[in-house]
Structures are given as structure tokens and as C-alpha cells.
C-alpha atoms as a PDB file:
ATOM      1  CA  MET A   1      93.189  60.810 -48.862  1.00  0.00           C
ATOM      2  CA  PHE A   2      91.897  62.037 -45.505  1.00  0.00           C
ATOM      3  CA  THR A   3      93.299  61.168 -42.104  1.00  0.00           C
ATOM      4  CA  GLU A   4      92.524  62.384 -38.614  1.00  0.00           C
ATOM      5  CA  ALA A   5      96.088  62.014 -37.389  1.00  0.00           C
ATOM      6  CA  TRP A   6      96.729  65.756 -36.979  1.00  0.00           C
ATOM      7  CA  THR A   7      94.532  67.319 -34.299  1.00  0.00           C
ATOM      8  CA  GLU A   8      94.796  70.561 -32.392  1.00  0.00           C
ATOM      9  CA  GLU A   9      92.906  72.239 -29.588  1.00  0.00           C
ATOM     10  CA  LEU A  10      92.394  75.780 -30.820  1.00  0.00           C
ATOM     11  CA  PRO A  11      92.818  78.878 -28.655  1.00  0.00           C
ATOM     12  CA  ALA A  12      89.674  79.952 -26.817  1.00  0.00           C
ATOM     13  CA  ILE A  13      87.412  82.360 -28.698  1.00  0.00           C
ATOM     14  CA  ASP A  14      85.310  85.162 -27.188  1.00  0.00           C
ATOM     15  CA  ILE A  15      81.566  84.524 -27.476  1.00  0.00           C
ATOM     16  CA  VAL A  16      79.419  87.323 -28.899  1.00  0.00           C
ATOM     17  CA  ALA A  17      75.743  87.318 -27.890  1.00  0.00           C
ATOM     18  CA  ASP A  18      73.369  85.858 -30.521  1.00  0.00           C
ATOM     19  CA  ARG A  19      76.166  85.152 -33.007  1.00  0.00           C
ATOM     20  CA  ASP A  20      75.979  81.819 -34.843  1.00  0.00           C
ATOM     21  CA  GLU A  21      79.172  81.915 -36.971  1.00  0.00           C
ATOM     22  CA  TYR A  22      82.765  81.964 -35.772  1.00  0.00           C
ATOM     23  CA  TYR A  23      86.045  81.818 -37.661  1.00  0.00           C
ATOM     24  CA  LEU A  24      88.309  79.074 -36.282  1.00  0.00           C
ATOM     25  CA  PRO A  25      91.891  80.417 -36.104  1.00  0.00           C
ATOM     26  CA  VAL A  26      94.239  77.650 -37.260  1.00  0.00           C
ATOM     27  CA  SER A  27      97.874  78.227 -36.339  1.00  0.00           C
ATOM     28  CA  TRP A  28      99.373  76.288 -39.264  1.00  0.00           C
ATOM     29  CA  ASP A  29      99.160  76.298 -43.059  1.00  0.00           C
ATOM     30  CA  ALA A  30      96.161  73.979 -42.905  1.00  0.00           C
ATOM     31  CA  HIS A  31      92.382  73.994 -42.786  1.00  0.00           C
ATOM     32  CA  VAL A  32      89.841  72.370 -40.489  1.00  0.00           C
ATOM     33  CA  GLY A  33      88.691  68.967 -41.720  1.00  0.00           C
ATOM     34  CA  ARG A  34      86.331  68.165 -38.864  1.00  0.00           C
ATOM     35  CA  ILE A  35      85.372  69.429 -35.422  1.00  0.00           C
ATOM     36  CA  LEU A  36      86.032  66.759 -32.780  1.00  0.00           C
ATOM     37  CA  TRP A  37      84.288  68.567 -29.928  1.00  0.00           C
ATOM     38  CA  LEU A  38      82.969  72.006 -29.043  1.00  0.00           C
ATOM     39  CA  LYS A  39      82.474  73.541 -25.603  1.00  0.00           C
ATOM     40  CA  LEU A  40      80.537  76.687 -24.775  1.00  0.00           C
ATOM     41  CA  ASP A  41      81.469  77.983 -21.321  1.00  0.00           C
ATOM     42  CA  ASP A  42      82.998  74.570 -20.462  1.00  0.00           C
ATOM     43  CA  THR A  43      79.838  72.663 -21.445  1.00  0.00           C
ATOM     44  CA  GLU A  44      80.372  70.160 -24.263  1.00  0.00           C
ATOM     45  CA  GLN A  45      77.762  70.470 -27.024  1.00  0.00           C
ATOM     46  CA  ASN A  46      76.043  67.743 -29.023  1.00  0.00           C
ATOM     47  CA  THR A  47      77.513  67.403 -32.532  1.00  0.00           C
ATOM     48  CA  VAL A  48      74.113  67.731 -34.218  1.00  0.00           C
ATOM     49  CA  TYR A  49      73.995  71.431 -33.281  1.00  0.00           C
ATOM     50  CA  TYR A  50      77.181  72.629 -35.042  1.00  0.00           C
ATOM     51  CA  TYR A  51      79.090  72.046 -38.266  1.00  0.00           C
ATOM     52  CA  LEU A  52      81.669  73.548 -40.600  1.00  0.00           C
ATOM     53  CA  LYS A  53      80.339  76.100 -43.036  1.00  0.00           C
ATOM     54  CA  GLY A  54      83.051  76.838 -45.572  1.00  0.00           C
ATOM     55  CA  GLU A  55      86.730  76.673 -44.747  1.00  0.00           C
ATOM     56  CA  ASN A  56      87.433  77.163 -41.020  1.00  0.00           C
ATOM     57  CA  VAL A  57      84.000  78.664 -40.289  1.00  0.00           C
ATOM     58  CA  LEU A  58      81.967  77.161 -37.455  1.00  0.00           C
ATOM     59  CA  PHE A  59      78.183  77.444 -37.667  1.00  0.00           C
ATOM     60  CA  MET A  60      75.938  76.772 -34.662  1.00  0.00           C
ATOM     61  CA  GLU A  61      72.228  75.963 -34.800  1.00  0.00           C
ATOM     62  CA  SER A  62      69.869  78.283 -32.903  1.00  0.00           C
ATOM     63  CA  GLU A  63      69.439  75.693 -30.105  1.00  0.00           C
ATOM     64  CA  ILE A  64      72.954  76.340 -28.778  1.00  0.00           C
ATOM     65  CA  VAL A  65      73.661  79.955 -29.829  1.00  0.00           C
ATOM     66  CA  PRO A  66      74.564  81.794 -26.602  1.00  0.00           C
ATOM     67  CA  ASP A  67      72.396  84.792 -25.705  1.00  0.00           C
ATOM     68  CA  THR A  68      75.112  86.408 -23.565  1.00  0.00           C
ATOM     69  CA  ALA A  69      78.684  87.393 -24.328  1.00  0.00           C
ATOM     70  CA  SER A  70      81.555  85.545 -22.691  1.00  0.00           C
ATOM     71  CA  THR A  71      85.341  85.970 -22.717  1.00  0.00           C
ATOM     72  CA  ASP A  72      87.149  82.828 -23.956  1.00  0.00           C
ATOM     73  CA  GLY A  73      83.847  80.942 -23.804  1.00  0.00           C
ATOM     74  CA  LEU A  74      84.220  78.859 -26.970  1.00  0.00           C
ATOM     75  CA  THR A  75      86.795  76.066 -27.028  1.00  0.00           C
ATOM     76  CA  THR A  76      87.181  73.327 -29.594  1.00  0.00           C
ATOM     77  CA  GLU A  77      89.453  70.572 -30.872  1.00  0.00           C
ATOM     78  CA  VAL A  78      89.687  70.068 -34.611  1.00  0.00           C
ATOM     79  CA  VAL A  79      91.234  67.766 -37.188  1.00  0.00           C
ATOM     80  CA  LEU A  80      93.665  69.678 -39.381  1.00  0.00           C
ATOM     81  CA  ILE A  81      94.375  68.951 -43.032  1.00  0.00           C
ATOM     82  CA  PRO A  82      97.539  70.477 -44.541  1.00  0.00           C
ATOM     83  CA  ASN A  83      96.885  72.791 -47.470  1.00  0.00           C
ATOM     84  CA  LEU A  84      98.103  71.477 -50.823  1.00  0.00           C
ATOM     85  CA  PHE A  85     101.122  73.791 -51.076  1.00  0.00           C
ATOM     86  CA  ALA A  86     101.669  74.197 -47.333  1.00  0.00           C
ATOM     87  CA  GLU A  87     104.922  75.791 -46.228  1.00  0.00           C
ATOM     88  CA  ASP A  88     104.189  75.983 -42.489  1.00  0.00           C
ATOM     89  CA  VAL A  89     103.244  72.627 -40.954  1.00  0.00           C
ATOM     90  CA  ASP A  90     103.781  71.352 -37.399  1.00  0.00           C
ATOM     91  CA  GLU A  91     107.273  69.826 -37.180  1.00  0.00           C
ATOM     92  CA  GLU A  92     106.040  66.948 -35.023  1.00  0.00           C
ATOM     93  CA  PHE A  93     103.476  66.047 -37.688  1.00  0.00           C
ATOM     94  CA  LEU A  94     106.092  66.120 -40.442  1.00  0.00           C
ATOM     95  CA  GLU A  95     108.627  64.120 -38.437  1.00  0.00           C
ATOM     96  CA  ARG A  96     106.050  61.472 -37.648  1.00  0.00           C
ATOM     97  CA  TYR A  97     104.332  61.214 -41.044  1.00  0.00           C
ATOM     98  CA  GLY A  98     106.798  62.733 -43.560  1.00  0.00           C
ATOM     99  CA  PRO A  99     108.392  59.439 -44.653  1.00  0.00           C
ATOM    100  CA  ALA A 100     104.945  57.854 -44.988  1.00  0.00           C
ATOM    101  CA  ILE A 101     103.703  60.727 -47.138  1.00  0.00           C
ATOM    102  CA  VAL A 102     106.758  60.362 -49.377  1.00  0.00           C
ATOM    103  CA  SER A 103     106.168  56.600 -49.673  1.00  0.00           C
ATOM    104  CA  GLY A 104     102.545  57.197 -50.617  1.00  0.00           C
ATOM    105  CA  VAL A 105     103.492  59.716 -53.294  1.00  0.00           C
ATOM    106  CA  LYS A 106     106.227  57.445 -54.695  1.00  0.00           C
ATOM    107  CA  MET A 107     103.802  54.525 -54.800  1.00  0.00           C
ATOM    108  CA  GLU A 108     101.194  56.555 -56.698  1.00  0.00           C
ATOM    109  CA  MET A 109     103.748  57.971 -59.130  1.00  0.00           C
ATOM    110  CA  MET A 110     105.425  54.622 -59.853  1.00  0.00           C
ATOM    111  CA  ARG A 111     102.064  52.967 -60.549  1.00  0.00           C
ATOM    112  CA  LYS A 112     101.228  55.373 -63.393  1.00  0.00           C
ATOM    113  CA  PRO A 113     101.515  53.549 -66.718  1.00  0.00           C
ATOM    114  CA  LYS A 114     103.812  54.549 -69.593  1.00  0.00           C
ATOM    115  CA  LYS A 115     105.914  57.099 -67.688  1.00  0.00           C
ATOM    116  CA  PRO A 116     109.723  57.171 -67.468  1.00  0.00           C
ATOM    117  CA  TYR A 117     109.499  56.523 -63.717  1.00  0.00           C
ATOM    118  CA  THR A 118     106.961  53.671 -63.930  1.00  0.00           C
ATOM    119  CA  ASP A 119     108.060  50.733 -61.769  1.00  0.00           C
ATOM    120  CA  VAL A 120     105.016  48.808 -60.575  1.00  0.00           C
ATOM    121  CA  GLU A 121     107.078  46.101 -58.881  1.00  0.00           C
ATOM    122  CA  THR A 122     108.999  48.552 -56.653  1.00  0.00           C
ATOM    123  CA  ALA A 123     105.786  50.404 -55.863  1.00  0.00           C
ATOM    124  CA  ARG A 124     104.092  47.142 -54.847  1.00  0.00           C
ATOM    125  CA  ARG A 125     107.051  45.642 -52.960  1.00  0.00           C
ATOM    126  CA  ILE A 126     108.509  48.666 -51.124  1.00  0.00           C
ATOM    127  CA  HIS A 127     106.345  51.770 -51.113  1.00  0.00           C
ATOM    128  CA  ALA A 128     102.865  50.233 -50.778  1.00  0.00           C
ATOM    129  CA  PRO A 129     103.679  48.309 -47.558  1.00  0.00           C
ATOM    130  CA  ALA A 130     105.327  51.402 -46.010  1.00  0.00           C
ATOM    131  CA  TRP A 131     102.277  53.506 -46.924  1.00  0.00           C
ATOM    132  CA  GLU A 132      99.758  50.971 -45.608  1.00  0.00           C
ATOM    133  CA  THR A 133     101.709  50.492 -42.362  1.00  0.00           C
ATOM    134  CA  ALA A 134     101.853  54.256 -41.785  1.00  0.00           C
ATOM    135  CA  LYS A 135      98.117  54.597 -42.441  1.00  0.00           C
ATOM    136  CA  ALA A 136      97.390  51.815 -39.948  1.00  0.00           C
ATOM    137  CA  LEU A 137      99.589  53.468 -37.301  1.00  0.00           C
ATOM    138  CA  ALA A 138      97.910  56.849 -37.861  1.00  0.00           C
ATOM    139  CA  ARG A 139      94.482  55.217 -37.622  1.00  0.00           C
ATOM    140  CA  ARG A 140      95.482  53.512 -34.372  1.00  0.00           C
ATOM    141  CA  GLU A 141      96.842  56.756 -32.904  1.00  0.00           C
ATOM    142  CA  ALA A 142      93.659  58.603 -33.790  1.00  0.00           C
ATOM    143  CA  THR A 143      91.583  55.836 -32.222  1.00  0.00           C
ATOM    144  CA  LEU A 144      93.611  55.642 -29.030  1.00  0.00           C
ATOM    145  CA  LYS A 145      94.094  59.418 -28.817  1.00  0.00           C
ATOM    146  CA  HIS A 146      97.701  58.848 -27.742  1.00  0.00           C
ATOM    147  CA  ARG A 147      96.593  57.262 -24.467  1.00  0.00           C
ATOM    148  CA  LYS A 148      98.743  54.730 -22.707  1.00  0.00           C
ATOM    149  CA  ALA A 149      97.141  51.338 -22.448  1.00  0.00           C
ATOM    150  CA  ASN A 150      97.701  49.013 -19.527  1.00  0.00           C
ATOM    151  CA  LEU A 151      98.709  45.749 -21.072  1.00  0.00           C
ATOM    152  CA  LYS A 152      98.475  42.616 -19.015  1.00  0.00           C
ATOM    153  CA  VAL A 153      99.840  39.361 -20.321  1.00  0.00           C
ATOM    154  CA  GLN A 154      98.432  36.237 -18.733  1.00  0.00           C
ATOM    155  CA  MET A 155      99.235  32.677 -19.559  1.00  0.00           C
ATOM    156  CA  LYS A 156      96.338  30.323 -19.970  1.00  0.00           C
ATOM    157  CA  PRO A 157      96.494  27.347 -17.636  1.00  0.00           C
ATOM    158  CA  TRP A 158      97.389  24.024 -19.240  1.00  0.00           C
ATOM    159  CA  ARG A 159      94.610  21.496 -19.268  1.00  0.00           C
END
């Protein structure tokens, strides 16, 4: 299961001349799932020129590798994925998605056949809807990027 609900703008990194690989310093017990955007000296780069190479390692194609050094010249926003046995995760992320994660785990566990905790009906009736609702909310948040939308309700004229 992969979601883009947990994003973080990483601290700026010093650019070294002619260097094409950079380690992305993640502040939590997580790894980078995807790079949302990358800026070199405040200029946003096209996504075809960079990608992840291994865990938390950014690789840039020769077309965008800077030929001069720059202090705090590389900025990026990434999608974070908690490590399997994470002990240090953003509290806001856990408060928002913790109950949904628990519902998803309970649903999966209760659907396993021939176990002492098997209860397909409870999994289908209670945990599956909570899990699906949470996934939909996370998908919507990722799509809207937590922006406020101006909603305008208008009645249609009667004909």
C-alpha cells in the first residue's frame, strides 16, 4: 500500500560543482517514496532529469548538473513512506492517519481464513469502510495539497 499523504519539504542542501548524486536527509524514521519537485538555485527542474537512485539518494542527469557550487542551492519536496518498524514518525501524520492504519490492519487480519481471529463479517462491515474512507480522504488531501477551496452554492432557476 502506497500513499502520498505524508509530504515534507526537506532542508536546503549545498550544491557541489559537477556532482550528480545527493543524499536526501529525511528527518523522520521514513524513506523517500517520490520526489514531488526539485529546485536548483530557485529554478524548478523538469522531472525527466532527476530520479531516486536507491533509498533517499537523488540522481540528476548531466543536463541539469550544476557546474558551480552554491550554498543551500538544492531544495526539494518529497513523499515520505514510514519504515516498517518506525519508532519516530511525525505526530501530525499519526494523529491524522493512525486510526485508519489500525482499521486497515484489522481488516486484513480478520479476512485471513482459518485463524482464531478470523471474522470476515466484522472486517467487511466495520473495518473495510473505515479504511476505504480514510484512503479517499488521504487521496483528496494529496490532490488538493491542503488548499482551501472557494465553494459557491447557487440555486438553479425554476423553469
